[in-house]
Amino acid sequence: MNQQNATRLEITLQPKLLDLFLPIFQQGVWVRGMLGCTIRSFLNVCVKLDDDYVDRRIQTFFLNHKPVDNIDGALVQDQDTLALSTAMPGVLGAMLRKGGYYAAMRQSISQKDQQQSTAAHEGRVRLRLFNFLISEIGPNLLKQGIRIEEEHLRPCLENLAIRFRAQGLDIKVNGENKKIEEWHSIHWTKEVLLKVLEI
């Protein structure tokens, strides 16, 4: 499904209400960009994270379910899944942490460094966020715009409709103003281009 034929949804909320959308980041959202690049480059350019944040806050990386130690050597391609987490507690967290003491013990399951063999190409990556990264990275991604499966968006819209049952809330669907309580009757495509802005 291309950008043109996905339903476009835009919602403007008070910052404190962005939390209603943050659970979608554990399931994963689609982020578009030029791929065939390293994980670090993808995070810099497409997710708008600087190197200091990437190195300091993100301690665990999974690319297509494999732990990554070198984010400057692992390449991101179209349709890949990239999962990010801060330091996880316990032995498991220590085992999976990038470049950690136990990294050598999981070499057989870790993502290997790759040579940049393909030209840069446009595509999309399913980005999954966990623990503190959800609230730290999620709001900016919502403002930037993400793509999400309609089935994962439904609980958020249901919660919004309940929250604004009394005073109402305007949303924009494909540029047309609608009321949040109308969401059930809207014809949604399988994937939705979602943008959530702050008042």
C-alpha atoms as a PDB file:
ATOM      1  CA  MET A   1       0.000   0.000   0.000  1.00  0.00           C
ATOM      2  CA  ASN A   2       1.505   3.327  -1.033  1.00  0.00           C
ATOM      3  CA  GLN A   3       1.341   6.708   0.637  1.00  0.00           C
ATOM      4  CA  GLN A   4      -1.477   7.963  -1.606  1.00  0.00           C
ATOM      5  CA  ASN A   5      -4.136   5.361  -0.855  1.00  0.00           C
ATOM      6  CA  ALA A   6      -3.768   5.122   2.934  1.00  0.00           C
ATOM      7  CA  THR A   7      -6.241   7.015   5.102  1.00  0.00           C
ATOM      8  CA  ARG A   8      -4.658  10.194   6.491  1.00  0.00           C
ATOM      9  CA  LEU A   9      -5.599  10.997  10.087  1.00  0.00           C
ATOM     10  CA  GLU A  10      -4.550  14.169  11.903  1.00  0.00           C
ATOM     11  CA  ILE A  11      -5.414  14.871  15.535  1.00  0.00           C
ATOM     12  CA  THR A  12      -4.475  17.864  17.699  1.00  0.00           C
ATOM     13  CA  LEU A  13      -4.336  17.257  21.454  1.00  0.00           C
ATOM     14  CA  GLN A  14      -2.992  18.685  24.682  1.00  0.00           C
ATOM     15  CA  PRO A  15       0.478  17.206  25.372  1.00  0.00           C
ATOM     16  CA  LYS A  16      -0.720  15.182  28.375  1.00  0.00           C
ATOM     17  CA  LEU A  17      -3.169  13.290  26.136  1.00  0.00           C
ATOM     18  CA  LEU A  18      -0.463  12.004  23.788  1.00  0.00           C
ATOM     19  CA  ASP A  19      -0.080   9.142  26.274  1.00  0.00           C
ATOM     20  CA  LEU A  20      -3.234   7.610  24.788  1.00  0.00           C
ATOM     21  CA  PHE A  21      -1.237   6.781  21.646  1.00  0.00           C
ATOM     22  CA  LEU A  22       2.028   5.619  23.186  1.00  0.00           C
ATOM     23  CA  PRO A  23       1.096   1.904  23.551  1.00  0.00           C
ATOM     24  CA  ILE A  24       1.162   1.538  19.748  1.00  0.00           C
ATOM     25  CA  PHE A  25       4.949   1.835  19.789  1.00  0.00           C
ATOM     26  CA  GLN A  26       5.379  -1.540  21.489  1.00  0.00           C
ATOM     27  CA  GLN A  27       3.495  -3.195  18.637  1.00  0.00           C
ATOM     28  CA  GLY A  28       5.495  -1.209  16.120  1.00  0.00           C
ATOM     29  CA  VAL A  29       4.910   1.663  13.728  1.00  0.00           C
ATOM     30  CA  TRP A  30       6.195   2.155  10.194  1.00  0.00           C
ATOM     31  CA  VAL A  31       8.801   4.871   9.621  1.00  0.00           C
ATOM     32  CA  ARG A  32       9.764   5.801   6.059  1.00  0.00           C
ATOM     33  CA  GLY A  33      13.143   6.973   4.836  1.00  0.00           C
ATOM     34  CA  MET A  34      16.181   6.294   2.682  1.00  0.00           C
ATOM     35  CA  LEU A  35      17.457   2.858   3.661  1.00  0.00           C
ATOM     36  CA  GLY A  36      20.451   0.661   2.947  1.00  0.00           C
ATOM     37  CA  CYS A  37      22.117   2.664   5.726  1.00  0.00           C
ATOM     38  CA  THR A  38      23.407   1.803   9.196  1.00  0.00           C
ATOM     39  CA  ILE A  39      21.120   1.701  12.209  1.00  0.00           C
ATOM     40  CA  ARG A  40      22.806   4.840  13.519  1.00  0.00           C
ATOM     41  CA  SER A  41      22.185   6.713  10.278  1.00  0.00           C
ATOM     42  CA  PHE A  42      18.538   5.599  10.227  1.00  0.00           C
ATOM     43  CA  LEU A  43      18.035   6.849  13.780  1.00  0.00           C
ATOM     44  CA  ASN A  44      19.803  10.141  13.018  1.00  0.00           C
ATOM     45  CA  VAL A  45      17.981  10.934   9.785  1.00  0.00           C
ATOM     46  CA  CYS A  46      14.592   9.210   9.945  1.00  0.00           C
ATOM     47  CA  VAL A  47      13.883   9.220  13.677  1.00  0.00           C
ATOM     48  CA  LYS A  48      15.687  12.548  14.312  1.00  0.00           C
ATOM     49  CA  LEU A  49      17.826  11.290  17.211  1.00  0.00           C
ATOM     50  CA  ASP A  50      21.298  12.714  17.778  1.00  0.00           C
ATOM     51  CA  ASP A  51      24.353  10.557  18.462  1.00  0.00           C
ATOM     52  CA  ASP A  52      24.538  11.541  22.124  1.00  0.00           C
ATOM     53  CA  TYR A  53      21.009  10.281  22.765  1.00  0.00           C
ATOM     54  CA  VAL A  54      21.534   7.107  20.739  1.00  0.00           C
ATOM     55  CA  ASP A  55      24.762   6.247  22.581  1.00  0.00           C
ATOM     56  CA  ARG A  56      23.606   7.288  26.040  1.00  0.00           C
ATOM     57  CA  ARG A  57      19.971   6.172  26.231  1.00  0.00           C
ATOM     58  CA  ILE A  58      19.507   3.242  23.848  1.00  0.00           C
ATOM     59  CA  GLN A  59      21.243   0.215  25.293  1.00  0.00           C
ATOM     60  CA  THR A  60      19.536  -2.660  23.495  1.00  0.00           C
ATOM     61  CA  PHE A  61      18.998  -2.989  19.733  1.00  0.00           C
ATOM     62  CA  PHE A  62      17.284  -5.812  17.868  1.00  0.00           C
ATOM     63  CA  LEU A  63      17.293  -5.947  14.073  1.00  0.00           C
ATOM     64  CA  ASN A  64      14.856  -8.568  12.783  1.00  0.00           C
ATOM     65  CA  HIS A  65      14.861 -10.182  16.252  1.00  0.00           C
ATOM     66  CA  LYS A  66      18.662 -10.448  16.456  1.00  0.00           C
ATOM     67  CA  PRO A  67      20.613  -8.467  19.080  1.00  0.00           C
ATOM     68  CA  VAL A  68      22.969  -5.867  17.605  1.00  0.00           C
ATOM     69  CA  ASP A  69      26.302  -4.820  19.109  1.00  0.00           C
ATOM     70  CA  ASN A  70      27.613  -2.521  16.385  1.00  0.00           C
ATOM     71  CA  ILE A  71      24.993  -0.042  15.152  1.00  0.00           C
ATOM     72  CA  ASP A  72      27.581   1.378  12.751  1.00  0.00           C
ATOM     73  CA  GLY A  73      27.947  -1.991  11.030  1.00  0.00           C
ATOM     74  CA  ALA A  74      24.384  -3.323  10.829  1.00  0.00           C
ATOM     75  CA  LEU A  75      22.374  -2.108   7.823  1.00  0.00           C
ATOM     76  CA  VAL A  76      18.662  -1.339   7.773  1.00  0.00           C
ATOM     77  CA  GLN A  77      16.665  -2.448   4.718  1.00  0.00           C
ATOM     78  CA  ASP A  78      13.085  -2.070   3.527  1.00  0.00           C
ATOM     79  CA  GLN A  79      10.554  -4.015   5.670  1.00  0.00           C
ATOM     80  CA  ASP A  80      13.068  -4.660   8.479  1.00  0.00           C
ATOM     81  CA  THR A  81      11.979  -4.569  12.121  1.00  0.00           C
ATOM     82  CA  LEU A  82      14.106  -2.510  14.520  1.00  0.00           C
ATOM     83  CA  ALA A  83      13.404  -2.722  18.263  1.00  0.00           C
ATOM     84  CA  LEU A  84      14.967  -0.338  20.771  1.00  0.00           C
ATOM     85  CA  SER A  85      15.125  -0.335  24.553  1.00  0.00           C
ATOM     86  CA  THR A  86      16.926   1.368  27.391  1.00  0.00           C
ATOM     87  CA  ALA A  87      18.952  -0.899  29.677  1.00  0.00           C
ATOM     88  CA  MET A  88      16.846  -3.872  30.734  1.00  0.00           C
ATOM     89  CA  PRO A  89      17.236  -5.207  34.273  1.00  0.00           C
ATOM     90  CA  GLY A  90      18.724  -8.488  35.379  1.00  0.00           C
ATOM     91  CA  VAL A  91      20.880 -11.085  33.689  1.00  0.00           C
ATOM     92  CA  LEU A  92      18.836 -11.011  30.484  1.00  0.00           C
ATOM     93  CA  GLY A  93      19.345  -7.264  30.192  1.00  0.00           C
ATOM     94  CA  ALA A  94      23.083  -7.679  30.708  1.00  0.00           C
ATOM     95  CA  MET A  95      23.204 -10.431  28.079  1.00  0.00           C
ATOM     96  CA  LEU A  96      21.409  -8.382  25.427  1.00  0.00           C
ATOM     97  CA  ARG A  97      23.020  -4.989  26.011  1.00  0.00           C
ATOM     98  CA  LYS A  98      25.001  -3.739  23.005  1.00  0.00           C
ATOM     99  CA  GLY A  99      28.711  -4.356  23.347  1.00  0.00           C
ATOM    100  CA  GLY A 100      28.227  -5.639  26.885  1.00  0.00           C
ATOM    101  CA  TYR A 101      30.386  -8.040  28.866  1.00  0.00           C
ATOM    102  CA  TYR A 102      28.289 -11.029  27.773  1.00  0.00           C
ATOM    103  CA  ALA A 103      28.067 -10.109  24.082  1.00  0.00           C
ATOM    104  CA  ALA A 104      30.618 -12.769  23.125  1.00  0.00           C
ATOM    105  CA  MET A 105      28.397 -15.482  24.634  1.00  0.00           C
ATOM    106  CA  ARG A 106      25.588 -14.789  22.153  1.00  0.00           C
ATOM    107  CA  GLN A 107      27.632 -14.425  18.960  1.00  0.00           C
ATOM    108  CA  SER A 108      25.668 -17.186  17.248  1.00  0.00           C
ATOM    109  CA  ILE A 109      22.393 -15.237  17.506  1.00  0.00           C
ATOM    110  CA  SER A 110      23.723 -11.689  17.135  1.00  0.00           C
ATOM    111  CA  GLN A 111      23.380  -9.551  14.022  1.00  0.00           C
ATOM    112  CA  LYS A 112      26.633  -9.593  12.062  1.00  0.00           C
ATOM    113  CA  ASP A 113      28.225  -6.491  10.544  1.00  0.00           C
ATOM    114  CA  GLN A 114      27.359  -6.039   6.876  1.00  0.00           C
ATOM    115  CA  GLN A 115      29.069  -4.498   3.888  1.00  0.00           C
ATOM    116  CA  GLN A 116      27.093  -1.723   2.221  1.00  0.00           C
ATOM    117  CA  SER A 117      26.329  -3.724  -0.917  1.00  0.00           C
ATOM    118  CA  THR A 118      23.125  -2.020  -2.048  1.00  0.00           C
ATOM    119  CA  ALA A 119      22.495   1.553  -3.072  1.00  0.00           C
ATOM    120  CA  ALA A 120      20.407   3.780  -0.845  1.00  0.00           C
ATOM    121  CA  HIS A 121      16.729   3.174  -1.508  1.00  0.00           C
ATOM    122  CA  GLU A 122      13.450   4.473  -0.169  1.00  0.00           C
ATOM    123  CA  GLY A 123      11.533   2.115   2.069  1.00  0.00           C
ATOM    124  CA  ARG A 124      10.087   1.658   5.501  1.00  0.00           C
ATOM    125  CA  VAL A 125      11.082   0.072   8.789  1.00  0.00           C
ATOM    126  CA  ARG A 126       8.845  -1.233  11.541  1.00  0.00           C
ATOM    127  CA  LEU A 127      10.115   0.566  14.637  1.00  0.00           C
ATOM    128  CA  ARG A 128       9.308  -0.847  18.063  1.00  0.00           C
ATOM    129  CA  LEU A 129      10.037   1.035  21.289  1.00  0.00           C
ATOM    130  CA  PHE A 130      10.126  -0.278  24.842  1.00  0.00           C
ATOM    131  CA  ASN A 131      10.110   1.124  28.381  1.00  0.00           C
ATOM    132  CA  PHE A 132      11.273   4.749  28.764  1.00  0.00           C
ATOM    133  CA  LEU A 133      11.952   5.156  25.043  1.00  0.00           C
ATOM    134  CA  ILE A 134       8.208   5.082  24.356  1.00  0.00           C
ATOM    135  CA  SER A 135       7.592   8.384  26.150  1.00  0.00           C
ATOM    136  CA  GLU A 136      10.913   9.917  25.089  1.00  0.00           C
ATOM    137  CA  ILE A 137      10.798   9.164  21.348  1.00  0.00           C
ATOM    138  CA  GLY A 138       7.118   8.428  20.695  1.00  0.00           C
ATOM    139  CA  PRO A 139       5.655  11.970  20.893  1.00  0.00           C
ATOM    140  CA  ASN A 140       8.083  13.374  18.314  1.00  0.00           C
ATOM    141  CA  LEU A 141       7.376  10.488  15.949  1.00  0.00           C
ATOM    142  CA  LEU A 142       3.649  11.168  16.291  1.00  0.00           C
ATOM    143  CA  LYS A 143       4.224  14.816  15.338  1.00  0.00           C
ATOM    144  CA  GLN A 144       6.428  13.772  12.434  1.00  0.00           C
ATOM    145  CA  GLY A 145       3.838  11.264  11.225  1.00  0.00           C
ATOM    146  CA  ILE A 146       3.860   7.484  11.267  1.00  0.00           C
ATOM    147  CA  ARG A 147       2.080   4.657   9.528  1.00  0.00           C
ATOM    148  CA  ILE A 148       0.159   2.146  11.604  1.00  0.00           C
ATOM    149  CA  GLU A 149      -2.163  -0.794  11.033  1.00  0.00           C
ATOM    150  CA  GLU A 150      -5.793   0.218  11.501  1.00  0.00           C
ATOM    151  CA  GLU A 151      -6.400  -2.643  13.939  1.00  0.00           C
ATOM    152  CA  HIS A 152      -3.703  -1.255  16.258  1.00  0.00           C
ATOM    153  CA  LEU A 153      -5.123   2.262  15.992  1.00  0.00           C
ATOM    154  CA  ARG A 154      -8.683   1.266  16.935  1.00  0.00           C
ATOM    155  CA  PRO A 155      -8.136   1.061  20.736  1.00  0.00           C
ATOM    156  CA  CYS A 156      -6.599   4.564  20.706  1.00  0.00           C
ATOM    157  CA  LEU A 157      -9.587   6.003  18.851  1.00  0.00           C
ATOM    158  CA  GLU A 158     -11.998   4.212  21.181  1.00  0.00           C
ATOM    159  CA  ASN A 159     -10.232   5.689  24.215  1.00  0.00           C
ATOM    160  CA  LEU A 160     -10.272   9.157  22.645  1.00  0.00           C
ATOM    161  CA  ALA A 161     -13.987   8.903  21.916  1.00  0.00           C
ATOM    162  CA  ILE A 162     -14.658   7.963  25.546  1.00  0.00           C
ATOM    163  CA  ARG A 163     -12.377  10.711  26.867  1.00  0.00           C
ATOM    164  CA  PHE A 164     -14.076  13.395  24.735  1.00  0.00           C
ATOM    165  CA  ARG A 165     -17.641  12.077  24.930  1.00  0.00           C
ATOM    166  CA  ALA A 166     -18.873  15.247  26.684  1.00  0.00           C
ATOM    167  CA  GLN A 167     -16.970  18.075  24.998  1.00  0.00           C
ATOM    168  CA  GLY A 168     -16.266  16.490  21.600  1.00  0.00           C
ATOM    169  CA  LEU A 169     -13.062  16.469  19.569  1.00  0.00           C
ATOM    170  CA  ASP A 170     -12.470  17.369  15.932  1.00  0.00           C
ATOM    171  CA  ILE A 171     -10.207  15.135  13.876  1.00  0.00           C
ATOM    172  CA  LYS A 172      -9.127  15.416  10.242  1.00  0.00           C
ATOM    173  CA  VAL A 173      -9.574  12.429   7.955  1.00  0.00           C
ATOM    174  CA  ASN A 174      -8.103  12.888   4.481  1.00  0.00           C
ATOM    175  CA  GLY A 175      -8.229  16.647   5.118  1.00  0.00           C
ATOM    176  CA  GLU A 176     -11.925  16.638   6.053  1.00  0.00           C
ATOM    177  CA  ASN A 177     -13.134  17.612   9.550  1.00  0.00           C
ATOM    178  CA  LYS A 178     -14.889  14.842  11.482  1.00  0.00           C
ATOM    179  CA  LYS A 179     -15.958  14.272  15.083  1.00  0.00           C
ATOM    180  CA  ILE A 180     -14.081  11.658  17.085  1.00  0.00           C
ATOM    181  CA  GLU A 181     -17.356   9.869  17.881  1.00  0.00           C
ATOM    182  CA  GLU A 182     -17.789   9.225  14.134  1.00  0.00           C
ATOM    183  CA  TRP A 183     -14.674   7.076  13.941  1.00  0.00           C
ATOM    184  CA  HIS A 184     -16.674   3.821  13.789  1.00  0.00           C
ATOM    185  CA  SER A 185     -18.429   4.931  10.596  1.00  0.00           C
ATOM    186  CA  ILE A 186     -15.279   6.075   8.766  1.00  0.00           C
ATOM    187  CA  HIS A 187     -13.952   3.787   6.033  1.00  0.00           C
ATOM    188  CA  TRP A 188     -10.389   3.128   7.167  1.00  0.00           C
ATOM    189  CA  THR A 189      -7.763   1.562   4.946  1.00  0.00           C
ATOM    190  CA  LYS A 190      -5.748  -1.363   6.311  1.00  0.00           C
ATOM    191  CA  GLU A 191      -2.961   1.073   7.201  1.00  0.00           C
ATOM    192  CA  VAL A 192      -3.362   4.665   8.376  1.00  0.00           C
ATOM    193  CA  LEU A 193      -1.009   7.632   8.108  1.00  0.00           C
ATOM    194  CA  LEU A 194      -1.252   9.126  11.598  1.00  0.00           C
ATOM    195  CA  LYS A 195      -0.072  12.524  12.764  1.00  0.00           C
ATOM    196  CA  VAL A 196      -0.757  13.745  16.307  1.00  0.00           C
ATOM    197  CA  LEU A 197       0.072  17.386  17.011  1.00  0.00           C
ATOM    198  CA  GLU A 198       0.148  19.304  20.286  1.00  0.00           C
ATOM    199  CA  ILE A 199      -2.104  22.288  21.008  1.00  0.00           C
END
